[in-house]
Amino acid sequence: MKNKICTAIATMMLFVPWTILPMRTFDWALESPVAEIMVYSYAAFMIFSGVFSILAYTKGKVKNKWMQVCTVINGIYAVGAVAIVGLAIASLF
């Protein structure tokens, strides 16, 4: 049962980062403070989803083929989010 729940959560986490695309079509989402908050919030979620998937796969021993796919994709999302946050921090200096 734990395997199915963790796999379902990791699967739902795959699609959440793509919801930023329709959100960015609104004018209010392109204004400076809101845009920064949205990007950082999505980056934090992507890092969390990557860490969750990796921990569920390794420590939780949820080792099925679909969880492998979710772990790889969420891991790529997490690396990209860390890069985005790193670039934002580097631009402050």
PDB file of N, CA and C in Angstrom:
ATOM      1  N   MET A   1       0.824  -1.195   0.000  1.00  0.00           N
ATOM      2  CA  MET A   1       0.000   0.000   0.000  1.00  0.00           C
ATOM      3  C   MET A   1       0.874   1.267   0.000  1.00  0.00           C
ATOM      4  N   LYS A   2       1.969   1.242   0.789  1.00  0.00           N
ATOM      5  CA  LYS A   2       2.882   2.380   0.847  1.00  0.00           C
ATOM      6  C   LYS A   2       3.491   2.643  -0.521  1.00  0.00           C
ATOM      7  N   ASN A   3       3.787   1.573  -1.255  1.00  0.00           N
ATOM      8  CA  ASN A   3       4.383   1.730  -2.582  1.00  0.00           C
ATOM      9  C   ASN A   3       3.449   2.478  -3.520  1.00  0.00           C
ATOM     10  N   LYS A   4       2.169   2.120  -3.492  1.00  0.00           N
ATOM     11  CA  LYS A   4       1.201   2.761  -4.382  1.00  0.00           C
ATOM     12  C   LYS A   4       0.984   4.225  -4.018  1.00  0.00           C
ATOM     13  N   ILE A   5       0.941   4.524  -2.723  1.00  0.00           N
ATOM     14  CA  ILE A   5       0.714   5.899  -2.289  1.00  0.00           C
ATOM     15  C   ILE A   5       1.903   6.780  -2.665  1.00  0.00           C
ATOM     16  N   CYS A   6       3.111   6.304  -2.388  1.00  0.00           N
ATOM     17  CA  CYS A   6       4.306   7.092  -2.736  1.00  0.00           C
ATOM     18  C   CYS A   6       4.427   7.274  -4.244  1.00  0.00           C
ATOM     19  N   THR A   7       4.104   6.244  -5.005  1.00  0.00           N
ATOM     20  CA  THR A   7       4.160   6.351  -6.461  1.00  0.00           C
ATOM     21  C   THR A   7       3.114   7.342  -6.968  1.00  0.00           C
ATOM     22  N   ALA A   8       1.921   7.334  -6.384  1.00  0.00           N
ATOM     23  CA  ALA A   8       0.871   8.269  -6.794  1.00  0.00           C
ATOM     24  C   ALA A   8       1.256   9.707  -6.464  1.00  0.00           C
ATOM     25  N   ILE A   9       1.840   9.920  -5.297  1.00  0.00           N
ATOM     26  CA  ILE A   9       2.268  11.271  -4.923  1.00  0.00           C
ATOM     27  C   ILE A   9       3.363  11.764  -5.861  1.00  0.00           C
ATOM     28  N   ALA A  10       4.341  10.895  -6.141  1.00  0.00           N
ATOM     29  CA  ALA A  10       5.431  11.279  -7.045  1.00  0.00           C
ATOM     30  C   ALA A  10       4.904  11.553  -8.455  1.00  0.00           C
ATOM     31  N   THR A  11       3.890  10.811  -8.875  1.00  0.00           N
ATOM     32  CA  THR A  11       3.296  11.031 -10.199  1.00  0.00           C
ATOM     33  C   THR A  11       2.600  12.382 -10.262  1.00  0.00           C
ATOM     34  N   MET A  12       1.856  12.729  -9.219  1.00  0.00           N
ATOM     35  CA  MET A  12       1.184  14.031  -9.211  1.00  0.00           C
ATOM     36  C   MET A  12       2.197  15.164  -9.178  1.00  0.00           C
ATOM     37  N   MET A  13       3.325  14.942  -8.527  1.00  0.00           N
ATOM     38  CA  MET A  13       4.362  15.970  -8.456  1.00  0.00           C
ATOM     39  C   MET A  13       5.028  16.216  -9.806  1.00  0.00           C
ATOM     40  N   LEU A  14       4.880  15.292 -10.734  1.00  0.00           N
ATOM     41  CA  LEU A  14       5.451  15.480 -12.071  1.00  0.00           C
ATOM     42  C   LEU A  14       4.776  16.614 -12.827  1.00  0.00           C
ATOM     43  N   PHE A  15       3.484  16.783 -12.622  1.00  0.00           N
ATOM     44  CA  PHE A  15       2.704  17.697 -13.447  1.00  0.00           C
ATOM     45  C   PHE A  15       2.528  19.089 -12.836  1.00  0.00           C
ATOM     46  N   VAL A  16       2.777  19.246 -11.546  1.00  0.00           N
ATOM     47  CA  VAL A  16       2.569  20.540 -10.886  1.00  0.00           C
ATOM     48  C   VAL A  16       3.476  21.631 -11.454  1.00  0.00           C
ATOM     49  N   PRO A  17       4.763  21.379 -11.722  1.00  0.00           N
ATOM     50  CA  PRO A  17       5.594  22.469 -12.265  1.00  0.00           C
ATOM     51  C   PRO A  17       5.100  23.021 -13.595  1.00  0.00           C
ATOM     52  N   TRP A  18       4.364  22.260 -14.352  1.00  0.00           N
ATOM     53  CA  TRP A  18       3.865  22.732 -15.647  1.00  0.00           C
ATOM     54  C   TRP A  18       2.675  23.670 -15.493  1.00  0.00           C
ATOM     55  N   THR A  19       2.113  23.764 -14.299  1.00  0.00           N
ATOM     56  CA  THR A  19       0.987  24.678 -14.097  1.00  0.00           C
ATOM     57  C   THR A  19       1.438  26.135 -14.079  1.00  0.00           C
ATOM     58  N   ILE A  20       2.739  26.383 -14.040  1.00  0.00           N
ATOM     59  CA  ILE A  20       3.212  27.763 -14.081  1.00  0.00           C
ATOM     60  C   ILE A  20       2.963  28.385 -15.459  1.00  0.00           C
ATOM     61  N   LEU A  21       2.918  27.575 -16.493  1.00  0.00           N
ATOM     62  CA  LEU A  21       2.713  28.110 -17.838  1.00  0.00           C
ATOM     63  C   LEU A  21       1.354  28.784 -18.000  1.00  0.00           C
ATOM     64  N   PRO A  22       0.233  28.151 -17.631  1.00  0.00           N
ATOM     65  CA  PRO A  22      -1.036  28.878 -17.734  1.00  0.00           C
ATOM     66  C   PRO A  22      -1.154  30.022 -16.726  1.00  0.00           C
ATOM     67  N   MET A  23      -0.488  29.898 -15.581  1.00  0.00           N
ATOM     68  CA  MET A  23      -0.538  30.982 -14.590  1.00  0.00           C
ATOM     69  C   MET A  23       0.146  32.237 -15.119  1.00  0.00           C
ATOM     70  N   ARG A  24       1.190  32.073 -15.918  1.00  0.00           N
ATOM     71  CA  ARG A  24       1.952  33.220 -16.415  1.00  0.00           C
ATOM     72  C   ARG A  24       1.228  33.963 -17.533  1.00  0.00           C
ATOM     73  N   THR A  25       0.078  33.497 -17.970  1.00  0.00           N
ATOM     74  CA  THR A  25      -0.674  34.207 -19.001  1.00  0.00           C
ATOM     75  C   THR A  25      -1.450  35.398 -18.429  1.00  0.00           C
ATOM     76  N   PHE A  26      -1.610  35.443 -17.109  1.00  0.00           N
ATOM     77  CA  PHE A  26      -2.321  36.550 -16.475  1.00  0.00           C
ATOM     78  C   PHE A  26      -1.371  37.731 -16.284  1.00  0.00           C
ATOM     79  N   ASP A  27      -1.904  38.930 -16.423  1.00  0.00           N
ATOM     80  CA  ASP A  27      -1.083  40.142 -16.276  1.00  0.00           C
ATOM     81  C   ASP A  27      -0.517  40.288 -14.868  1.00  0.00           C
ATOM     82  N   TRP A  28      -1.328  39.941 -13.855  1.00  0.00           N
ATOM     83  CA  TRP A  28      -0.866  40.092 -12.484  1.00  0.00           C
ATOM     84  C   TRP A  28       0.306  39.168 -12.178  1.00  0.00           C
ATOM     85  N   ALA A  29       0.429  38.068 -12.895  1.00  0.00           N
ATOM     86  CA  ALA A  29       1.509  37.116 -12.635  1.00  0.00           C
ATOM     87  C   ALA A  29       2.840  37.569 -13.215  1.00  0.00           C
ATOM     88  N   LEU A  30       2.819  38.578 -14.057  1.00  0.00           N
ATOM     89  CA  LEU A  30       4.050  39.065 -14.672  1.00  0.00           C
ATOM     90  C   LEU A  30       4.643  40.265 -13.948  1.00  0.00           C
ATOM     91  N   GLU A  31       3.952  40.778 -12.957  1.00  0.00           N
ATOM     92  CA  GLU A  31       4.470  41.913 -12.200  1.00  0.00           C
ATOM     93  C   GLU A  31       5.568  41.441 -11.256  1.00  0.00           C
ATOM     94  N   SER A  32       6.489  42.318 -10.959  1.00  0.00           N
ATOM     95  CA  SER A  32       7.741  41.954 -10.299  1.00  0.00           C
ATOM     96  C   SER A  32       7.598  41.178  -8.984  1.00  0.00           C
ATOM     97  N   PRO A  33       6.917  41.667  -7.969  1.00  0.00           N
ATOM     98  CA  PRO A  33       6.943  40.875  -6.733  1.00  0.00           C
ATOM     99  C   PRO A  33       6.204  39.536  -6.868  1.00  0.00           C
ATOM    100  N   VAL A  34       5.124  39.544  -7.602  1.00  0.00           N
ATOM    101  CA  VAL A  34       4.350  38.315  -7.760  1.00  0.00           C
ATOM    102  C   VAL A  34       5.123  37.289  -8.577  1.00  0.00           C
ATOM    103  N   ALA A  35       5.774  37.719  -9.631  1.00  0.00           N
ATOM    104  CA  ALA A  35       6.527  36.810 -10.484  1.00  0.00           C
ATOM    105  C   ALA A  35       7.670  36.158  -9.716  1.00  0.00           C
ATOM    106  N   GLU A  36       8.370  36.952  -8.906  1.00  0.00           N
ATOM    107  CA  GLU A  36       9.469  36.397  -8.131  1.00  0.00           C
ATOM    108  C   GLU A  36       8.967  35.384  -7.112  1.00  0.00           C
ATOM    109  N   ILE A  37       7.889  35.699  -6.444  1.00  0.00           N
ATOM    110  CA  ILE A  37       7.331  34.784  -5.450  1.00  0.00           C
ATOM    111  C   ILE A  37       6.881  33.489  -6.113  1.00  0.00           C
ATOM    112  N   MET A  38       6.247  33.603  -7.277  1.00  0.00           N
ATOM    113  CA  MET A  38       5.801  32.399  -7.982  1.00  0.00           C
ATOM    114  C   MET A  38       6.978  31.522  -8.390  1.00  0.00           C
ATOM    115  N   VAL A  39       8.008  32.120  -8.942  1.00  0.00           N
ATOM    116  CA  VAL A  39       9.156  31.338  -9.395  1.00  0.00           C
ATOM    117  C   VAL A  39       9.827  30.655  -8.214  1.00  0.00           C
ATOM    118  N   TYR A  40      10.012  31.375  -7.124  1.00  0.00           N
ATOM    119  CA  TYR A  40      10.653  30.777  -5.955  1.00  0.00           C
ATOM    120  C   TYR A  40       9.774  29.701  -5.319  1.00  0.00           C
ATOM    121  N   SER A  41       8.467  29.898  -5.334  1.00  0.00           N
ATOM    122  CA  SER A  41       7.558  28.883  -4.791  1.00  0.00           C
ATOM    123  C   SER A  41       7.596  27.615  -5.626  1.00  0.00           C
ATOM    124  N   TYR A  42       7.562  27.779  -6.931  1.00  0.00           N
ATOM    125  CA  TYR A  42       7.646  26.606  -7.797  1.00  0.00           C
ATOM    126  C   TYR A  42       9.007  25.927  -7.658  1.00  0.00           C
ATOM    127  N   ALA A  43      10.062  26.704  -7.516  1.00  0.00           N
ATOM    128  CA  ALA A  43      11.395  26.116  -7.340  1.00  0.00           C
ATOM    129  C   ALA A  43      11.467  25.327  -6.038  1.00  0.00           C
ATOM    130  N   ALA A  44      10.902  25.874  -4.973  1.00  0.00           N
ATOM    131  CA  ALA A  44      10.891  25.155  -3.694  1.00  0.00           C
ATOM    132  C   ALA A  44      10.098  23.851  -3.807  1.00  0.00           C
ATOM    133  N   PHE A  45       8.959  23.907  -4.494  1.00  0.00           N
ATOM    134  CA  PHE A  45       8.173  22.688  -4.680  1.00  0.00           C
ATOM    135  C   PHE A  45       8.938  21.658  -5.505  1.00  0.00           C
ATOM    136  N   MET A  46       9.633  22.115  -6.538  1.00  0.00           N
ATOM    137  CA  MET A  46      10.377  21.189  -7.384  1.00  0.00           C
ATOM    138  C   MET A  46      11.535  20.550  -6.620  1.00  0.00           C
ATOM    139  N   ILE A  47      12.191  21.317  -5.770  1.00  0.00           N
ATOM    140  CA  ILE A  47      13.248  20.744  -4.938  1.00  0.00           C
ATOM    141  C   ILE A  47      12.650  19.737  -3.972  1.00  0.00           C
ATOM    142  N   PHE A  48      11.522  20.082  -3.338  1.00  0.00           N
ATOM    143  CA  PHE A  48      10.860  19.152  -2.427  1.00  0.00           C
ATOM    144  C   PHE A  48      10.440  17.873  -3.136  1.00  0.00           C
ATOM    145  N   SER A  49       9.876  17.995  -4.339  1.00  0.00           N
ATOM    146  CA  SER A  49       9.429  16.800  -5.048  1.00  0.00           C
ATOM    147  C   SER A  49      10.609  15.918  -5.450  1.00  0.00           C
ATOM    148  N   GLY A  50      11.735  16.523  -5.804  1.00  0.00           N
ATOM    149  CA  GLY A  50      12.922  15.733  -6.117  1.00  0.00           C
ATOM    150  C   GLY A  50      13.439  14.991  -4.905  1.00  0.00           C
ATOM    151  N   VAL A  51      13.511  15.689  -3.773  1.00  0.00           N
ATOM    152  CA  VAL A  51      13.979  15.050  -2.536  1.00  0.00           C
ATOM    153  C   VAL A  51      13.012  13.956  -2.099  1.00  0.00           C
ATOM    154  N   PHE A  52      11.705  14.228  -2.189  1.00  0.00           N
ATOM    155  CA  PHE A  52      10.712  13.216  -1.820  1.00  0.00           C
ATOM    156  C   PHE A  52      10.855  11.967  -2.673  1.00  0.00           C
ATOM    157  N   SER A  53      10.965  12.141  -3.980  1.00  0.00           N
ATOM    158  CA  SER A  53      11.057  10.987  -4.872  1.00  0.00           C
ATOM    159  C   SER A  53      12.325  10.184  -4.621  1.00  0.00           C
ATOM    160  N   ILE A  54      13.432  10.878  -4.430  1.00  0.00           N
ATOM    161  CA  ILE A  54      14.692  10.172  -4.182  1.00  0.00           C
ATOM    162  C   ILE A  54      14.642   9.422  -2.863  1.00  0.00           C
ATOM    163  N   LEU A  55      14.107  10.061  -1.824  1.00  0.00           N
ATOM    164  CA  LEU A  55      14.010   9.378  -0.529  1.00  0.00           C
ATOM    165  C   LEU A  55      13.020   8.228  -0.560  1.00  0.00           C
ATOM    166  N   ALA A  56      11.907   8.396  -1.249  1.00  0.00           N
ATOM    167  CA  ALA A  56      10.935   7.301  -1.347  1.00  0.00           C
ATOM    168  C   ALA A  56      11.527   6.124  -2.106  1.00  0.00           C
ATOM    169  N   TYR A  57      12.320   6.412  -3.108  1.00  0.00           N
ATOM    170  CA  TYR A  57      12.928   5.338  -3.904  1.00  0.00           C
ATOM    171  C   TYR A  57      14.038   4.624  -3.138  1.00  0.00           C
ATOM    172  N   THR A  58      14.867   5.382  -2.436  1.00  0.00           N
ATOM    173  CA  THR A  58      16.016   4.764  -1.771  1.00  0.00           C
ATOM    174  C   THR A  58      15.669   4.272  -0.370  1.00  0.00           C
ATOM    175  N   LYS A  59      15.258   5.168   0.499  1.00  0.00           N
ATOM    176  CA  LYS A  59      14.996   4.792   1.895  1.00  0.00           C
ATOM    177  C   LYS A  59      13.660   4.063   2.051  1.00  0.00           C
ATOM    178  N   GLY A  60      12.650   4.490   1.286  1.00  0.00           N
ATOM    179  CA  GLY A  60      11.336   3.876   1.391  1.00  0.00           C
ATOM    180  C   GLY A  60      11.215   2.569   0.627  1.00  0.00           C
ATOM    181  N   LYS A  61      12.222   2.276  -0.169  1.00  0.00           N
ATOM    182  CA  LYS A  61      12.276   1.042  -0.955  1.00  0.00           C
ATOM    183  C   LYS A  61      11.057   0.871  -1.873  1.00  0.00           C
ATOM    184  N   VAL A  62      10.635   1.980  -2.480  1.00  0.00           N
ATOM    185  CA  VAL A  62       9.562   1.936  -3.471  1.00  0.00           C
ATOM    186  C   VAL A  62      10.259   1.803  -4.817  1.00  0.00           C
ATOM    187  N   LYS A  63      10.506   0.574  -5.231  1.00  0.00           N
ATOM    188  CA  LYS A  63      11.341   0.324  -6.406  1.00  0.00           C
ATOM    189  C   LYS A  63      10.550  -0.359  -7.508  1.00  0.00           C
ATOM    190  N   ASN A  64       9.656   0.380  -8.123  1.00  0.00           N
ATOM    191  CA  ASN A  64       8.991  -0.122  -9.315  1.00  0.00           C
ATOM    192  C   ASN A  64       9.423   0.735 -10.504  1.00  0.00           C
ATOM    193  N   LYS A  65       9.094   0.299 -11.689  1.00  0.00           N
ATOM    194  CA  LYS A  65       9.563   0.997 -12.899  1.00  0.00           C
ATOM    195  C   LYS A  65       9.026   2.424 -12.989  1.00  0.00           C
ATOM    196  N   TRP A  66       7.750   2.635 -12.652  1.00  0.00           N
ATOM    197  CA  TRP A  66       7.196   3.972 -12.757  1.00  0.00           C
ATOM    198  C   TRP A  66       7.828   4.908 -11.732  1.00  0.00           C
ATOM    199  N   MET A  67       8.155   4.388 -10.554  1.00  0.00           N
ATOM    200  CA  MET A  67       8.816   5.215  -9.552  1.00  0.00           C
ATOM    201  C   MET A  67      10.222   5.587 -10.011  1.00  0.00           C
ATOM    202  N   GLN A  68      10.867   4.729 -10.756  1.00  0.00           N
ATOM    203  CA  GLN A  68      12.172   5.073 -11.326  1.00  0.00           C
ATOM    204  C   GLN A  68      12.039   6.255 -12.277  1.00  0.00           C
ATOM    205  N   VAL A  69      11.015   6.223 -13.111  1.00  0.00           N
ATOM    206  CA  VAL A  69      10.772   7.325 -14.047  1.00  0.00           C
ATOM    207  C   VAL A  69      10.479   8.619 -13.277  1.00  0.00           C
ATOM    208  N   CYS A  70       9.619   8.525 -12.272  1.00  0.00           N
ATOM    209  CA  CYS A  70       9.276   9.706 -11.469  1.00  0.00           C
ATOM    210  C   CYS A  70      10.501  10.262 -10.752  1.00  0.00           C
ATOM    211  N   THR A  71      11.343   9.382 -10.245  1.00  0.00           N
ATOM    212  CA  THR A  71      12.544   9.817  -9.538  1.00  0.00           C
ATOM    213  C   THR A  71      13.497  10.551 -10.469  1.00  0.00           C
ATOM    214  N   VAL A  72      13.677  10.033 -11.665  1.00  0.00           N
ATOM    215  CA  VAL A  72      14.578  10.691 -12.616  1.00  0.00           C
ATOM    216  C   VAL A  72      14.034  12.059 -13.023  1.00  0.00           C
ATOM    217  N   ILE A  73      12.761  12.126 -13.377  1.00  0.00           N
ATOM    218  CA  ILE A  73      12.182  13.397 -13.831  1.00  0.00           C
ATOM    219  C   ILE A  73      12.147  14.414 -12.699  1.00  0.00           C
ATOM    220  N   ASN A  74      11.698  13.997 -11.515  1.00  0.00           N
ATOM    221  CA  ASN A  74      11.667  14.922 -10.384  1.00  0.00           C
ATOM    222  C   ASN A  74      13.078  15.325  -9.966  1.00  0.00           C
ATOM    223  N   GLY A  75      14.039  14.446 -10.131  1.00  0.00           N
ATOM    224  CA  GLY A  75      15.425  14.802  -9.856  1.00  0.00           C
ATOM    225  C   GLY A  75      15.936  15.857 -10.820  1.00  0.00           C
ATOM    226  N   ILE A  76      15.575  15.729 -12.090  1.00  0.00           N
ATOM    227  CA  ILE A  76      15.954  16.744 -13.082  1.00  0.00           C
ATOM    228  C   ILE A  76      15.282  18.076 -12.755  1.00  0.00           C
ATOM    229  N   TYR A  77      14.007  18.025 -12.362  1.00  0.00           N
ATOM    230  CA  TYR A  77      13.321  19.242 -11.940  1.00  0.00           C
ATOM    231  C   TYR A  77      14.050  19.892 -10.764  1.00  0.00           C
ATOM    232  N   ALA A  78      14.463  19.079  -9.792  1.00  0.00           N
ATOM    233  CA  ALA A  78      15.131  19.610  -8.603  1.00  0.00           C
ATOM    234  C   ALA A  78      16.463  20.260  -8.964  1.00  0.00           C
ATOM    235  N   VAL A  79      17.215  19.637  -9.847  1.00  0.00           N
ATOM    236  CA  VAL A  79      18.493  20.223 -10.265  1.00  0.00           C
ATOM    237  C   VAL A  79      18.254  21.556 -10.986  1.00  0.00           C
ATOM    238  N   GLY A  80      17.248  21.602 -11.836  1.00  0.00           N
ATOM    239  CA  GLY A  80      16.908  22.844 -12.513  1.00  0.00           C
ATOM    240  C   GLY A  80      16.471  23.926 -11.540  1.00  0.00           C
ATOM    241  N   ALA A  81      15.705  23.554 -10.530  1.00  0.00           N
ATOM    242  CA  ALA A  81      15.249  24.525  -9.534  1.00  0.00           C
ATOM    243  C   ALA A  81      16.414  25.053  -8.709  1.00  0.00           C
ATOM    244  N   VAL A  82      17.344  24.176  -8.360  1.00  0.00           N
ATOM    245  CA  VAL A  82      18.531  24.629  -7.630  1.00  0.00           C
ATOM    246  C   VAL A  82      19.333  25.597  -8.498  1.00  0.00           C
ATOM    247  N   ALA A  83      19.406  25.329  -9.787  1.00  0.00           N
ATOM    248  CA  ALA A  83      20.110  26.235 -10.699  1.00  0.00           C
ATOM    249  C   ALA A  83      19.423  27.594 -10.771  1.00  0.00           C
ATOM    250  N   ILE A  84      18.093  27.596 -10.828  1.00  0.00           N
ATOM    251  CA  ILE A  84      17.338  28.853 -10.873  1.00  0.00           C
ATOM    252  C   ILE A  84      17.559  29.660  -9.599  1.00  0.00           C
ATOM    253  N   VAL A  85      17.481  29.003  -8.459  1.00  0.00           N
ATOM    254  CA  VAL A  85      17.706  29.696  -7.196  1.00  0.00           C
ATOM    255  C   VAL A  85      19.153  30.182  -7.100  1.00  0.00           C
ATOM    256  N   GLY A  86      20.080  29.367  -7.566  1.00  0.00           N
ATOM    257  CA  GLY A  86      21.481  29.769  -7.563  1.00  0.00           C
ATOM    258  C   GLY A  86      21.743  30.986  -8.425  1.00  0.00           C
ATOM    259  N   LEU A  87      21.126  31.028  -9.597  1.00  0.00           N
ATOM    260  CA  LEU A  87      21.270  32.201 -10.464  1.00  0.00           C
ATOM    261  C   LEU A  87      20.636  33.445  -9.842  1.00  0.00           C
ATOM    262  N   ALA A  88      19.524  33.263  -9.171  1.00  0.00           N
ATOM    263  CA  ALA A  88      18.871  34.399  -8.518  1.00  0.00           C
ATOM    264  C   ALA A  88      19.724  34.929  -7.377  1.00  0.00           C
ATOM    265  N   ILE A  89      20.321  34.038  -6.630  1.00  0.00           N
ATOM    266  CA  ILE A  89      21.183  34.463  -5.537  1.00  0.00           C
ATOM    267  C   ILE A  89      22.457  35.122  -6.079  1.00  0.00           C
ATOM    268  N   ALA A  90      23.004  34.563  -7.151  1.00  0.00           N
ATOM    269  CA  ALA A  90      24.218  35.130  -7.743  1.00  0.00           C
ATOM    270  C   ALA A  90      23.967  36.519  -8.321  1.00  0.00           C
ATOM    271  N   SER A  91      22.769  36.762  -8.798  1.00  0.00           N
ATOM    272  CA  SER A  91      22.475  38.084  -9.372  1.00  0.00           C
ATOM    273  C   SER A  91      22.327  39.163  -8.294  1.00  0.00           C
ATOM    274  N   LEU A  92      22.176  38.742  -7.059  1.00  0.00           N
ATOM    275  CA  LEU A  92      22.071  39.723  -5.974  1.00  0.00           C
ATOM    276  C   LEU A  92      23.423  40.361  -5.657  1.00  0.00           C
ATOM    277  N   PHE A  93      24.496  39.663  -5.973  1.00  0.00           N
ATOM    278  CA  PHE A  93      25.840  40.160  -5.624  1.00  0.00           C
ATOM    279  C   PHE A  93      26.487  40.870  -6.754  1.00  0.00           C
TER     280      PHE A  93
END
